[in-house]
N, C-alpha and C. Protein backbone atom coordinates (compact mmCIF):
# COMPACT_ATOMS: atom_id res chain seq x y z
N MET A 1 -15.17 17.54 14.30
CA MET A 1 -16.35 16.93 13.69
C MET A 1 -17.60 17.20 14.52
N GLU A 2 -17.44 17.15 15.86
CA GLU A 2 -18.58 17.44 16.73
C GLU A 2 -19.10 18.85 16.49
N GLN A 3 -18.19 19.83 16.39
CA GLN A 3 -18.59 21.22 16.17
C GLN A 3 -19.25 21.40 14.81
N GLU A 4 -18.73 20.70 13.79
CA GLU A 4 -19.31 20.82 12.45
C GLU A 4 -20.74 20.30 12.42
N VAL A 5 -20.99 19.19 13.12
CA VAL A 5 -22.34 18.63 13.16
C VAL A 5 -23.29 19.57 13.91
N LYS A 6 -22.78 20.24 14.93
CA LYS A 6 -23.62 21.19 15.67
C LYS A 6 -24.05 22.36 14.80
N LEU A 7 -23.14 22.83 13.94
CA LEU A 7 -23.38 24.06 13.19
C LEU A 7 -23.94 23.83 11.79
N ASN A 8 -23.64 22.69 11.19
CA ASN A 8 -24.00 22.45 9.79
C ASN A 8 -25.30 21.65 9.71
N LEU A 9 -26.35 22.28 9.18
CA LEU A 9 -27.66 21.64 9.09
C LEU A 9 -27.64 20.42 8.17
N ALA A 10 -26.77 20.45 7.17
CA ALA A 10 -26.69 19.32 6.24
C ALA A 10 -26.20 18.07 6.97
N TYR A 11 -25.25 18.25 7.88
CA TYR A 11 -24.76 17.10 8.65
C TYR A 11 -25.86 16.56 9.56
N ARG A 12 -26.62 17.48 10.18
CA ARG A 12 -27.71 17.04 11.05
C ARG A 12 -28.75 16.25 10.25
N TRP A 13 -29.07 16.75 9.07
CA TRP A 13 -30.04 16.06 8.21
C TRP A 13 -29.53 14.67 7.84
N PHE A 14 -28.25 14.58 7.47
CA PHE A 14 -27.67 13.29 7.09
C PHE A 14 -27.72 12.29 8.24
N LEU A 15 -27.51 12.75 9.47
CA LEU A 15 -27.50 11.89 10.65
C LEU A 15 -28.89 11.67 11.24
N GLY A 16 -29.89 12.39 10.71
CA GLY A 16 -31.24 12.23 11.24
C GLY A 16 -31.44 12.92 12.57
N LEU A 17 -30.69 13.99 12.83
CA LEU A 17 -30.78 14.72 14.10
C LEU A 17 -31.62 15.98 13.93
N ASP A 18 -32.57 16.20 14.86
CA ASP A 18 -33.33 17.44 14.86
C ASP A 18 -32.47 18.56 15.45
N LEU A 19 -32.94 19.80 15.29
CA LEU A 19 -32.17 20.94 15.78
C LEU A 19 -31.97 20.92 17.29
N ALA A 20 -32.93 20.34 18.01
CA ALA A 20 -32.83 20.33 19.47
C ALA A 20 -32.12 19.10 20.02
N GLU A 21 -31.83 18.14 19.16
CA GLU A 21 -31.21 16.90 19.63
C GLU A 21 -29.72 17.10 19.91
N THR A 22 -29.22 16.32 20.88
CA THR A 22 -27.82 16.41 21.28
C THR A 22 -26.92 15.72 20.25
N VAL A 23 -25.85 16.39 19.91
CA VAL A 23 -24.88 15.83 18.96
C VAL A 23 -23.95 14.87 19.71
N PRO A 24 -23.57 13.74 19.11
CA PRO A 24 -22.63 12.82 19.77
C PRO A 24 -21.36 13.53 20.21
N ASP A 25 -20.88 13.20 21.39
CA ASP A 25 -19.67 13.82 21.93
C ASP A 25 -18.45 13.42 21.11
N HIS A 26 -17.46 14.32 21.10
CA HIS A 26 -16.25 14.05 20.31
C HIS A 26 -15.55 12.78 20.75
N SER A 27 -15.62 12.45 22.06
CA SER A 27 -14.97 11.23 22.55
C SER A 27 -15.68 9.98 22.03
N THR A 28 -17.01 10.07 21.85
CA THR A 28 -17.76 8.95 21.29
C THR A 28 -17.32 8.68 19.86
N ILE A 29 -17.18 9.76 19.09
CA ILE A 29 -16.73 9.63 17.70
C ILE A 29 -15.33 9.03 17.65
N SER A 30 -14.45 9.52 18.52
CA SER A 30 -13.07 9.04 18.54
C SER A 30 -13.00 7.56 18.92
N GLN A 31 -13.73 7.16 19.95
CA GLN A 31 -13.69 5.76 20.40
C GLN A 31 -14.32 4.83 19.38
N ASN A 32 -15.35 5.32 18.67
CA ASN A 32 -15.93 4.51 17.60
C ASN A 32 -14.89 4.20 16.54
N ARG A 33 -14.10 5.20 16.18
CA ARG A 33 -13.05 5.00 15.18
C ARG A 33 -12.03 3.97 15.66
N ARG A 34 -11.68 4.07 16.95
CA ARG A 34 -10.63 3.20 17.48
C ARG A 34 -11.12 1.79 17.78
N ARG A 35 -12.34 1.65 18.31
CA ARG A 35 -12.77 0.36 18.85
C ARG A 35 -13.85 -0.34 18.02
N ARG A 36 -14.91 0.40 17.68
CA ARG A 36 -16.06 -0.24 17.07
C ARG A 36 -15.72 -0.87 15.72
N PHE A 37 -14.89 -0.20 14.96
CA PHE A 37 -14.58 -0.69 13.61
C PHE A 37 -13.16 -1.24 13.50
N LYS A 38 -12.57 -1.59 14.64
CA LYS A 38 -11.23 -2.16 14.62
C LYS A 38 -11.25 -3.51 13.90
N ASN A 39 -10.27 -3.73 13.00
CA ASN A 39 -10.16 -4.96 12.20
C ASN A 39 -11.38 -5.18 11.30
N SER A 40 -12.10 -4.09 11.02
CA SER A 40 -13.25 -4.18 10.13
C SER A 40 -12.88 -3.64 8.75
N PRO A 41 -13.41 -4.24 7.67
CA PRO A 41 -13.12 -3.73 6.32
C PRO A 41 -14.01 -2.57 5.91
N LEU A 42 -14.80 -2.04 6.86
CA LEU A 42 -15.79 -1.02 6.53
C LEU A 42 -15.18 0.20 5.86
N PHE A 43 -14.12 0.78 6.46
CA PHE A 43 -13.53 2.00 5.90
C PHE A 43 -12.94 1.74 4.52
N GLN A 44 -12.33 0.58 4.34
CA GLN A 44 -11.77 0.23 3.03
C GLN A 44 -12.87 0.08 1.99
N GLU A 45 -14.00 -0.51 2.39
CA GLU A 45 -15.12 -0.69 1.47
C GLU A 45 -15.72 0.66 1.07
N ILE A 46 -15.82 1.59 2.04
CA ILE A 46 -16.33 2.92 1.73
C ILE A 46 -15.39 3.63 0.76
N PHE A 47 -14.09 3.53 1.05
CA PHE A 47 -13.08 4.16 0.18
C PHE A 47 -13.17 3.60 -1.24
N ASP A 48 -13.22 2.27 -1.37
CA ASP A 48 -13.26 1.63 -2.69
C ASP A 48 -14.53 2.01 -3.44
N THR A 49 -15.64 2.13 -2.72
CA THR A 49 -16.90 2.51 -3.37
C THR A 49 -16.83 3.92 -3.93
N ILE A 50 -16.25 4.85 -3.16
CA ILE A 50 -16.12 6.23 -3.62
C ILE A 50 -15.23 6.31 -4.86
N VAL A 51 -14.09 5.61 -4.83
CA VAL A 51 -13.18 5.64 -5.99
C VAL A 51 -13.85 5.00 -7.21
N SER A 52 -14.59 3.91 -6.98
CA SER A 52 -15.28 3.25 -8.09
C SER A 52 -16.30 4.18 -8.74
N ARG A 53 -16.98 4.99 -7.94
CA ARG A 53 -17.94 5.95 -8.49
C ARG A 53 -17.23 7.05 -9.27
N CYS A 54 -16.04 7.44 -8.79
CA CYS A 54 -15.24 8.43 -9.53
C CYS A 54 -14.82 7.88 -10.88
N VAL A 55 -14.48 6.58 -10.92
CA VAL A 55 -14.12 5.93 -12.20
C VAL A 55 -15.32 5.93 -13.13
N ALA A 56 -16.50 5.56 -12.59
CA ALA A 56 -17.72 5.48 -13.40
C ALA A 56 -18.11 6.84 -13.97
N GLU A 57 -17.81 7.92 -13.24
CA GLU A 57 -18.17 9.27 -13.69
C GLU A 57 -17.08 9.90 -14.56
N GLY A 58 -15.98 9.17 -14.78
CA GLY A 58 -14.92 9.69 -15.63
C GLY A 58 -13.96 10.63 -14.93
N LEU A 59 -14.06 10.73 -13.60
CA LEU A 59 -13.14 11.59 -12.86
C LEU A 59 -11.78 10.93 -12.70
N VAL A 60 -11.74 9.60 -12.76
CA VAL A 60 -10.49 8.83 -12.68
C VAL A 60 -10.38 8.01 -13.95
N THR A 61 -9.28 8.20 -14.69
CA THR A 61 -9.08 7.44 -15.93
C THR A 61 -8.15 6.25 -15.72
N GLY A 62 -7.20 6.37 -14.76
CA GLY A 62 -6.27 5.29 -14.51
C GLY A 62 -5.15 5.18 -15.52
N GLU A 63 -5.07 6.10 -16.47
CA GLU A 63 -4.03 6.02 -17.49
C GLU A 63 -2.66 6.34 -16.92
N VAL A 64 -2.59 7.36 -16.05
CA VAL A 64 -1.32 7.74 -15.41
C VAL A 64 -1.54 7.78 -13.90
N ILE A 65 -0.74 6.99 -13.19
CA ILE A 65 -0.82 6.92 -11.73
C ILE A 65 0.48 7.46 -11.14
N VAL A 66 0.35 8.29 -10.11
CA VAL A 66 1.51 8.82 -9.41
C VAL A 66 1.51 8.27 -7.99
N THR A 67 2.66 7.80 -7.51
CA THR A 67 2.72 7.18 -6.19
C THR A 67 3.90 7.71 -5.38
N ASP A 68 3.72 7.75 -4.06
CA ASP A 68 4.79 8.17 -3.15
C ASP A 68 4.39 7.75 -1.74
N SER A 69 5.33 7.86 -0.80
CA SER A 69 5.04 7.49 0.58
C SER A 69 5.27 8.68 1.51
N THR A 70 4.53 8.69 2.61
CA THR A 70 4.65 9.73 3.63
C THR A 70 4.89 9.06 4.97
N HIS A 71 5.88 9.56 5.73
CA HIS A 71 6.17 8.95 7.04
C HIS A 71 5.23 9.48 8.11
N ILE A 72 4.83 8.59 9.01
CA ILE A 72 3.95 8.92 10.12
C ILE A 72 4.63 8.45 11.40
N ARG A 73 4.91 9.35 12.31
CA ARG A 73 5.62 8.98 13.54
C ARG A 73 4.77 8.04 14.39
N ALA A 74 5.39 6.98 14.87
CA ALA A 74 4.70 6.01 15.72
C ALA A 74 4.81 6.43 17.18
N SER A 75 3.83 6.04 17.95
CA SER A 75 3.86 6.31 19.40
C SER A 75 4.66 5.19 20.06
N ALA A 76 5.96 5.25 19.88
CA ALA A 76 6.84 4.18 20.37
C ALA A 76 8.08 4.78 21.02
N SER A 77 8.46 4.23 22.16
CA SER A 77 9.63 4.72 22.89
C SER A 77 10.91 4.32 22.17
N ARG A 78 11.85 5.25 22.06
CA ARG A 78 13.14 4.95 21.44
C ARG A 78 14.09 4.28 22.42
N GLN A 79 13.69 4.22 23.69
CA GLN A 79 14.54 3.58 24.69
C GLN A 79 14.21 2.08 24.85
N ARG A 80 12.94 1.74 24.67
CA ARG A 80 12.53 0.35 24.83
C ARG A 80 12.60 -0.37 23.49
N VAL A 81 13.80 -0.79 23.13
CA VAL A 81 14.03 -1.43 21.84
C VAL A 81 14.79 -2.74 22.02
N GLU A 82 14.79 -3.54 20.97
CA GLU A 82 15.57 -4.77 20.92
C GLU A 82 15.98 -5.04 19.48
N LYS A 83 17.08 -5.74 19.31
CA LYS A 83 17.55 -6.10 17.98
C LYS A 83 17.16 -7.54 17.68
N VAL A 84 16.53 -7.75 16.52
CA VAL A 84 16.08 -9.09 16.14
C VAL A 84 16.56 -9.39 14.73
N TRP A 85 16.69 -10.68 14.44
CA TRP A 85 17.08 -11.14 13.11
C TRP A 85 15.84 -11.58 12.35
N VAL A 86 15.66 -11.07 11.14
CA VAL A 86 14.50 -11.42 10.32
C VAL A 86 14.98 -11.87 8.95
N GLU A 87 14.15 -12.66 8.30
CA GLU A 87 14.50 -13.16 6.97
C GLU A 87 14.16 -12.11 5.92
N LYS A 88 15.09 -11.88 5.02
CA LYS A 88 14.89 -10.95 3.93
C LYS A 88 14.55 -11.73 2.67
N THR A 89 13.31 -11.58 2.19
CA THR A 89 12.86 -12.32 1.02
C THR A 89 12.91 -11.43 -0.22
N PRO A 90 13.12 -12.04 -1.40
CA PRO A 90 13.16 -11.25 -2.64
C PRO A 90 11.84 -10.55 -2.87
N THR A 91 11.89 -9.30 -3.30
CA THR A 91 10.67 -8.56 -3.59
C THR A 91 10.12 -8.96 -4.95
N GLU A 92 8.87 -8.52 -5.21
CA GLU A 92 8.27 -8.81 -6.51
C GLU A 92 9.02 -8.10 -7.62
N TYR A 93 9.71 -7.01 -7.27
CA TYR A 93 10.55 -6.33 -8.26
C TYR A 93 11.57 -7.30 -8.85
N MET A 94 12.14 -8.14 -7.97
CA MET A 94 13.16 -9.08 -8.41
C MET A 94 12.54 -10.36 -8.96
N GLN A 95 11.41 -10.78 -8.40
CA GLN A 95 10.78 -12.02 -8.84
C GLN A 95 10.14 -11.91 -10.21
N THR A 96 9.56 -10.74 -10.51
CA THR A 96 8.83 -10.58 -11.77
C THR A 96 9.72 -10.80 -13.00
N PRO A 97 10.92 -10.18 -13.11
CA PRO A 97 11.76 -10.46 -14.28
C PRO A 97 12.17 -11.93 -14.38
N GLU A 98 12.41 -12.57 -13.22
CA GLU A 98 12.79 -13.98 -13.23
C GLU A 98 11.63 -14.84 -13.73
N GLN A 99 10.42 -14.54 -13.30
CA GLN A 99 9.25 -15.28 -13.74
C GLN A 99 9.00 -15.07 -15.23
N GLU A 100 9.24 -13.86 -15.70
CA GLU A 100 9.07 -13.57 -17.12
C GLU A 100 10.09 -14.35 -17.95
N ALA A 101 11.32 -14.48 -17.44
CA ALA A 101 12.35 -15.26 -18.13
C ALA A 101 11.93 -16.72 -18.22
N GLN A 102 11.35 -17.25 -17.15
CA GLN A 102 10.86 -18.63 -17.16
C GLN A 102 9.77 -18.80 -18.22
N ARG A 103 8.86 -17.83 -18.30
CA ARG A 103 7.76 -17.92 -19.26
C ARG A 103 8.29 -17.92 -20.70
N LEU A 104 9.27 -17.05 -20.97
CA LEU A 104 9.83 -16.98 -22.32
C LEU A 104 10.58 -18.26 -22.69
N GLU A 105 11.31 -18.83 -21.71
CA GLU A 105 12.03 -20.07 -21.96
C GLU A 105 11.07 -21.22 -22.25
N ALA A 106 9.95 -21.26 -21.49
CA ALA A 106 8.95 -22.32 -21.73
C ALA A 106 8.32 -22.17 -23.10
N GLU A 107 8.08 -20.93 -23.52
CA GLU A 107 7.50 -20.66 -24.84
C GLU A 107 8.46 -21.07 -25.94
N LEU A 108 9.75 -20.78 -25.75
CA LEU A 108 10.76 -21.16 -26.72
C LEU A 108 10.88 -22.67 -26.83
N GLN A 109 10.82 -23.35 -25.68
CA GLN A 109 10.93 -24.80 -25.66
C GLN A 109 9.76 -25.45 -26.40
N ASN A 110 8.57 -24.90 -26.20
CA ASN A 110 7.38 -25.44 -26.89
C ASN A 110 7.53 -25.30 -28.40
N ARG A 111 8.10 -24.18 -28.84
CA ARG A 111 8.31 -23.99 -30.27
C ARG A 111 9.33 -24.98 -30.82
N ARG A 112 10.39 -25.22 -30.02
CA ARG A 112 11.43 -26.16 -30.46
C ARG A 112 10.85 -27.58 -30.57
N GLU A 113 10.05 -27.95 -29.59
CA GLU A 113 9.45 -29.29 -29.61
C GLU A 113 8.47 -29.43 -30.76
N ALA A 114 7.72 -28.36 -31.06
CA ALA A 114 6.77 -28.40 -32.17
C ALA A 114 7.50 -28.54 -33.51
N ALA A 115 8.74 -28.02 -33.55
CA ALA A 115 9.54 -28.12 -34.78
C ALA A 115 10.38 -29.39 -34.81
N GLY A 116 10.22 -30.23 -33.78
CA GLY A 116 10.96 -31.49 -33.74
C GLY A 116 12.40 -31.35 -33.32
N LYS A 117 12.76 -30.28 -32.66
CA LYS A 117 14.13 -30.07 -32.21
C LYS A 117 14.31 -30.57 -30.78
N LYS A 118 15.58 -30.68 -30.39
CA LYS A 118 15.90 -31.16 -29.06
C LYS A 118 15.60 -30.09 -28.01
N LYS A 119 15.57 -30.54 -26.77
CA LYS A 119 15.38 -29.61 -25.66
C LYS A 119 16.58 -28.67 -25.59
N CYS A 120 16.33 -27.47 -25.14
CA CYS A 120 17.40 -26.47 -25.14
C CYS A 120 18.15 -26.39 -23.82
N GLY A 121 18.00 -27.40 -22.97
CA GLY A 121 18.77 -27.42 -21.72
C GLY A 121 17.88 -27.41 -20.50
N LYS A 122 18.51 -27.22 -19.34
CA LYS A 122 17.76 -27.23 -18.09
C LYS A 122 16.87 -26.00 -17.98
N LYS A 123 15.72 -26.23 -17.36
CA LYS A 123 14.81 -25.11 -17.13
C LYS A 123 15.34 -24.22 -16.02
N ARG A 124 15.10 -22.93 -16.19
CA ARG A 124 15.51 -21.97 -15.18
C ARG A 124 14.64 -22.13 -13.93
N GLN A 125 15.26 -22.15 -12.80
CA GLN A 125 14.56 -22.25 -11.53
C GLN A 125 14.69 -20.93 -10.77
N LEU A 126 13.61 -20.54 -10.13
CA LEU A 126 13.67 -19.34 -9.31
C LEU A 126 14.68 -19.53 -8.18
N GLN A 127 15.59 -18.61 -8.04
CA GLN A 127 16.61 -18.73 -7.00
C GLN A 127 16.00 -18.44 -5.63
N LYS A 128 16.13 -19.40 -4.75
CA LYS A 128 15.61 -19.24 -3.39
C LYS A 128 16.75 -19.39 -2.41
N ARG A 129 17.09 -18.33 -1.75
CA ARG A 129 18.13 -18.40 -0.75
C ARG A 129 17.71 -17.59 0.47
N LYS A 130 18.04 -18.09 1.61
CA LYS A 130 17.63 -17.47 2.86
C LYS A 130 18.67 -16.46 3.29
N VAL A 131 18.25 -15.21 3.40
CA VAL A 131 19.13 -14.12 3.81
C VAL A 131 18.55 -13.50 5.08
N MET A 132 19.37 -13.44 6.12
CA MET A 132 18.94 -12.87 7.38
C MET A 132 19.60 -11.50 7.59
N HIS A 133 18.88 -10.58 8.20
CA HIS A 133 19.49 -9.30 8.54
C HIS A 133 18.92 -8.80 9.87
N GLU A 134 19.69 -7.97 10.54
CA GLU A 134 19.33 -7.50 11.87
C GLU A 134 18.57 -6.18 11.78
N VAL A 135 17.47 -6.07 12.53
CA VAL A 135 16.69 -4.84 12.55
C VAL A 135 16.42 -4.43 14.00
N VAL A 136 16.14 -3.14 14.19
CA VAL A 136 15.78 -2.62 15.50
C VAL A 136 14.26 -2.67 15.63
N SER A 137 13.77 -3.32 16.69
CA SER A 137 12.34 -3.48 16.90
C SER A 137 11.91 -2.76 18.18
N SER A 138 10.72 -2.18 18.15
CA SER A 138 10.19 -1.49 19.32
C SER A 138 9.42 -2.47 20.20
N LYS A 139 9.65 -2.39 21.50
CA LYS A 139 8.91 -3.24 22.43
C LYS A 139 7.51 -2.68 22.71
N THR A 140 7.33 -1.36 22.51
CA THR A 140 6.03 -0.76 22.77
C THR A 140 5.12 -0.78 21.55
N ASP A 141 5.70 -0.81 20.34
CA ASP A 141 4.91 -0.88 19.11
C ASP A 141 5.68 -1.71 18.08
N PRO A 142 5.61 -3.05 18.19
CA PRO A 142 6.39 -3.93 17.31
C PRO A 142 6.05 -3.78 15.83
N ASP A 143 4.85 -3.26 15.51
CA ASP A 143 4.47 -3.12 14.10
C ASP A 143 5.15 -1.94 13.43
N ALA A 144 5.64 -1.00 14.22
CA ALA A 144 6.34 0.15 13.64
C ALA A 144 7.74 -0.27 13.17
N GLY A 145 8.33 0.54 12.34
CA GLY A 145 9.67 0.25 11.83
C GLY A 145 10.61 1.40 12.09
N TYR A 146 11.87 1.08 12.42
CA TYR A 146 12.86 2.12 12.71
C TYR A 146 13.37 2.72 11.41
N MET A 147 13.08 3.99 11.20
CA MET A 147 13.45 4.66 9.96
C MET A 147 14.71 5.49 10.17
N ASN A 148 15.65 5.34 9.25
CA ASN A 148 16.90 6.09 9.31
C ASN A 148 17.33 6.40 7.88
N ARG A 149 16.69 7.42 7.30
CA ARG A 149 16.96 7.78 5.91
C ARG A 149 17.49 9.21 5.84
N PRO A 150 18.32 9.49 4.85
CA PRO A 150 18.82 10.87 4.67
C PRO A 150 17.67 11.84 4.44
N GLY A 151 17.67 12.94 5.17
CA GLY A 151 16.65 13.95 5.00
C GLY A 151 15.33 13.64 5.67
N LYS A 152 15.25 12.51 6.38
CA LYS A 152 14.02 12.12 7.06
C LYS A 152 14.28 12.04 8.57
N PRO A 153 13.23 12.21 9.40
CA PRO A 153 13.42 12.09 10.85
C PRO A 153 13.75 10.66 11.24
N THR A 154 14.63 10.50 12.20
CA THR A 154 15.04 9.18 12.66
C THR A 154 14.12 8.73 13.80
N GLY A 155 13.79 7.45 13.81
CA GLY A 155 12.95 6.91 14.87
C GLY A 155 11.93 5.94 14.32
N PHE A 156 11.01 5.53 15.16
CA PHE A 156 9.99 4.56 14.76
C PHE A 156 8.85 5.27 14.04
N HIS A 157 8.56 4.78 12.85
CA HIS A 157 7.54 5.38 11.99
C HIS A 157 6.74 4.31 11.26
N TYR A 158 5.67 4.78 10.64
CA TYR A 158 4.95 4.01 9.63
C TYR A 158 5.09 4.76 8.32
N LEU A 159 4.83 4.07 7.21
CA LEU A 159 4.82 4.72 5.90
C LEU A 159 3.44 4.54 5.28
N SER A 160 2.87 5.65 4.84
CA SER A 160 1.60 5.62 4.12
C SER A 160 1.90 5.74 2.63
N HIS A 161 1.77 4.62 1.91
CA HIS A 161 2.04 4.59 0.47
C HIS A 161 0.75 4.98 -0.26
N THR A 162 0.78 6.11 -0.93
CA THR A 162 -0.42 6.66 -1.56
C THR A 162 -0.26 6.76 -3.07
N SER A 163 -1.27 6.29 -3.79
CA SER A 163 -1.30 6.41 -5.25
C SER A 163 -2.48 7.27 -5.64
N LEU A 164 -2.29 8.12 -6.64
CA LEU A 164 -3.40 8.96 -7.11
C LEU A 164 -3.42 9.01 -8.62
N ASP A 165 -4.61 9.30 -9.13
CA ASP A 165 -4.80 9.41 -10.57
C ASP A 165 -4.37 10.81 -11.01
N ALA A 166 -3.57 10.88 -12.05
CA ALA A 166 -2.97 12.16 -12.45
C ALA A 166 -3.97 13.12 -13.08
N LYS A 167 -5.12 12.63 -13.52
CA LYS A 167 -6.05 13.51 -14.22
C LYS A 167 -6.57 14.62 -13.32
N ARG A 168 -7.06 14.24 -12.12
CA ARG A 168 -7.60 15.26 -11.20
C ARG A 168 -7.03 15.11 -9.79
N GLY A 169 -6.01 14.29 -9.62
CA GLY A 169 -5.38 14.16 -8.31
C GLY A 169 -6.20 13.39 -7.29
N ILE A 170 -7.11 12.54 -7.74
CA ILE A 170 -7.94 11.76 -6.82
C ILE A 170 -7.17 10.54 -6.33
N ILE A 171 -7.13 10.35 -5.02
CA ILE A 171 -6.41 9.21 -4.44
C ILE A 171 -7.13 7.91 -4.79
N THR A 172 -6.38 6.94 -5.28
CA THR A 172 -6.96 5.66 -5.69
C THR A 172 -6.57 4.50 -4.78
N ASP A 173 -5.48 4.67 -4.00
CA ASP A 173 -5.04 3.57 -3.14
C ASP A 173 -4.18 4.11 -2.02
N VAL A 174 -4.38 3.56 -0.81
CA VAL A 174 -3.55 3.89 0.35
C VAL A 174 -3.17 2.59 1.03
N HIS A 175 -1.88 2.41 1.28
CA HIS A 175 -1.39 1.18 1.90
C HIS A 175 -0.33 1.55 2.94
N VAL A 176 -0.47 1.01 4.15
CA VAL A 176 0.43 1.37 5.25
C VAL A 176 1.39 0.22 5.55
N THR A 177 2.68 0.56 5.70
CA THR A 177 3.70 -0.41 6.09
C THR A 177 4.52 0.17 7.24
N ALA A 178 5.39 -0.66 7.78
CA ALA A 178 6.34 -0.18 8.78
C ALA A 178 7.29 0.82 8.13
N GLY A 179 7.87 1.69 8.94
CA GLY A 179 8.72 2.75 8.42
C GLY A 179 10.03 2.30 7.82
N ASN A 180 10.46 1.07 8.12
CA ASN A 180 11.73 0.58 7.58
C ASN A 180 11.55 -0.25 6.31
N VAL A 181 10.37 -0.20 5.73
CA VAL A 181 10.11 -0.92 4.47
C VAL A 181 10.41 0.01 3.31
N ASN A 182 11.27 -0.43 2.40
CA ASN A 182 11.60 0.38 1.23
C ASN A 182 10.37 0.59 0.34
N ASP A 183 10.30 1.75 -0.28
CA ASP A 183 9.13 2.11 -1.07
C ASP A 183 8.81 1.10 -2.18
N HIS A 184 9.85 0.53 -2.79
CA HIS A 184 9.60 -0.34 -3.93
C HIS A 184 9.03 -1.71 -3.55
N ILE A 185 9.11 -2.09 -2.27
CA ILE A 185 8.70 -3.44 -1.87
C ILE A 185 7.21 -3.69 -2.07
N PRO A 186 6.30 -2.80 -1.59
CA PRO A 186 4.88 -3.07 -1.81
C PRO A 186 4.36 -2.57 -3.16
N PHE A 187 5.24 -1.97 -3.96
CA PHE A 187 4.80 -1.26 -5.16
C PHE A 187 4.09 -2.15 -6.17
N VAL A 188 4.69 -3.28 -6.54
CA VAL A 188 4.12 -4.14 -7.58
C VAL A 188 2.75 -4.66 -7.15
N GLU A 189 2.64 -5.08 -5.88
CA GLU A 189 1.37 -5.62 -5.40
C GLU A 189 0.28 -4.55 -5.40
N ARG A 190 0.63 -3.29 -5.07
CA ARG A 190 -0.39 -2.24 -5.07
C ARG A 190 -0.87 -1.94 -6.48
N VAL A 191 0.01 -2.04 -7.47
CA VAL A 191 -0.42 -1.87 -8.86
C VAL A 191 -1.40 -2.97 -9.25
N LYS A 192 -1.11 -4.20 -8.81
CA LYS A 192 -2.02 -5.32 -9.08
C LYS A 192 -3.39 -5.09 -8.43
N VAL A 193 -3.37 -4.54 -7.20
CA VAL A 193 -4.63 -4.26 -6.50
C VAL A 193 -5.46 -3.24 -7.27
N LEU A 194 -4.81 -2.19 -7.77
CA LEU A 194 -5.52 -1.18 -8.54
C LEU A 194 -6.16 -1.78 -9.80
N LYS A 195 -5.42 -2.63 -10.46
CA LYS A 195 -5.94 -3.24 -11.69
C LYS A 195 -7.09 -4.20 -11.37
N ARG A 196 -6.93 -4.95 -10.27
CA ARG A 196 -7.94 -5.95 -9.92
C ARG A 196 -9.23 -5.31 -9.41
N LYS A 197 -9.11 -4.33 -8.52
CA LYS A 197 -10.29 -3.72 -7.92
C LYS A 197 -11.01 -2.77 -8.87
N LEU A 198 -10.24 -1.91 -9.53
CA LEU A 198 -10.84 -0.84 -10.31
C LEU A 198 -10.77 -1.05 -11.81
N ARG A 199 -10.05 -2.10 -12.22
CA ARG A 199 -9.88 -2.40 -13.66
C ARG A 199 -9.34 -1.18 -14.42
N LEU A 200 -8.33 -0.55 -13.82
CA LEU A 200 -7.76 0.65 -14.43
C LEU A 200 -6.81 0.28 -15.58
N PRO A 201 -6.91 0.97 -16.71
CA PRO A 201 -6.01 0.73 -17.85
C PRO A 201 -4.69 1.48 -17.68
N ILE A 202 -3.91 1.12 -16.68
CA ILE A 202 -2.69 1.87 -16.35
C ILE A 202 -1.68 1.79 -17.50
N GLN A 203 -1.23 2.96 -17.97
CA GLN A 203 -0.25 3.03 -19.04
C GLN A 203 1.10 3.54 -18.56
N ALA A 204 1.10 4.35 -17.51
CA ALA A 204 2.36 4.90 -16.99
C ALA A 204 2.20 5.19 -15.50
N ILE A 205 3.33 5.07 -14.77
CA ILE A 205 3.33 5.35 -13.33
C ILE A 205 4.51 6.26 -13.02
N GLY A 206 4.24 7.33 -12.29
CA GLY A 206 5.30 8.25 -11.89
C GLY A 206 5.69 8.01 -10.44
N ALA A 207 6.98 7.91 -10.18
CA ALA A 207 7.49 7.67 -8.82
C ALA A 207 8.88 8.25 -8.70
N ASP A 208 9.32 8.50 -7.45
CA ASP A 208 10.66 9.07 -7.25
C ASP A 208 11.70 7.95 -7.17
N LYS A 209 12.95 8.32 -6.88
CA LYS A 209 14.05 7.36 -6.90
C LYS A 209 13.95 6.30 -5.81
N GLY A 210 13.07 6.51 -4.82
CA GLY A 210 12.89 5.50 -3.77
C GLY A 210 12.31 4.21 -4.31
N TYR A 211 11.75 4.26 -5.52
CA TYR A 211 11.17 3.08 -6.14
C TYR A 211 12.12 2.42 -7.13
N ASP A 212 13.37 2.91 -7.15
CA ASP A 212 14.39 2.37 -8.05
C ASP A 212 15.35 1.49 -7.25
N LEU A 213 15.64 0.30 -7.79
CA LEU A 213 16.53 -0.63 -7.10
C LEU A 213 17.99 -0.25 -7.26
N THR A 214 18.34 0.52 -8.28
CA THR A 214 19.75 0.75 -8.60
C THR A 214 20.40 1.74 -7.68
């Protein structure tokens, strides 16, 4: 980036730098990325603004979304590890059909009561049970997850879950999780985010078998 700013007059103009002025050092740019905007929503806001403008210009229709994840190796030692027990909670994949069943039962009951009929029995309750499972955790980077999948590198990784619009391949959403998180777990919530932020009329979503529970 430092070299591009030195050579490209358009970049200098955008930054307000004259031809004789010194360009920021590459280490300054790097440290700004790491420190100045840490825990800041700035990059996300810039990303959302760009995608929103693409939607407004018709470059993104939102009718067909394609999603997949890419593994990113974490800077974590494979020797400094520990095994911990964590609670495994039902994903939205499992909760959504159960919630829909509750809604349909409530609708049926209202119809029965309106017709003067008796109640049709006990209401369905969402099943809540505590399930614990053991995972390998890194002492040097606890946020990373130990990935051990067929055809994938073994070790501590992150997963970058990326969704793009099929019309022109423009990325519409990026979400990062630990490497041991199954692809389908954040999937439903990311679809909700796309609908809420961009108001996309999603009609179909393409994904590989990693998003299938069966």
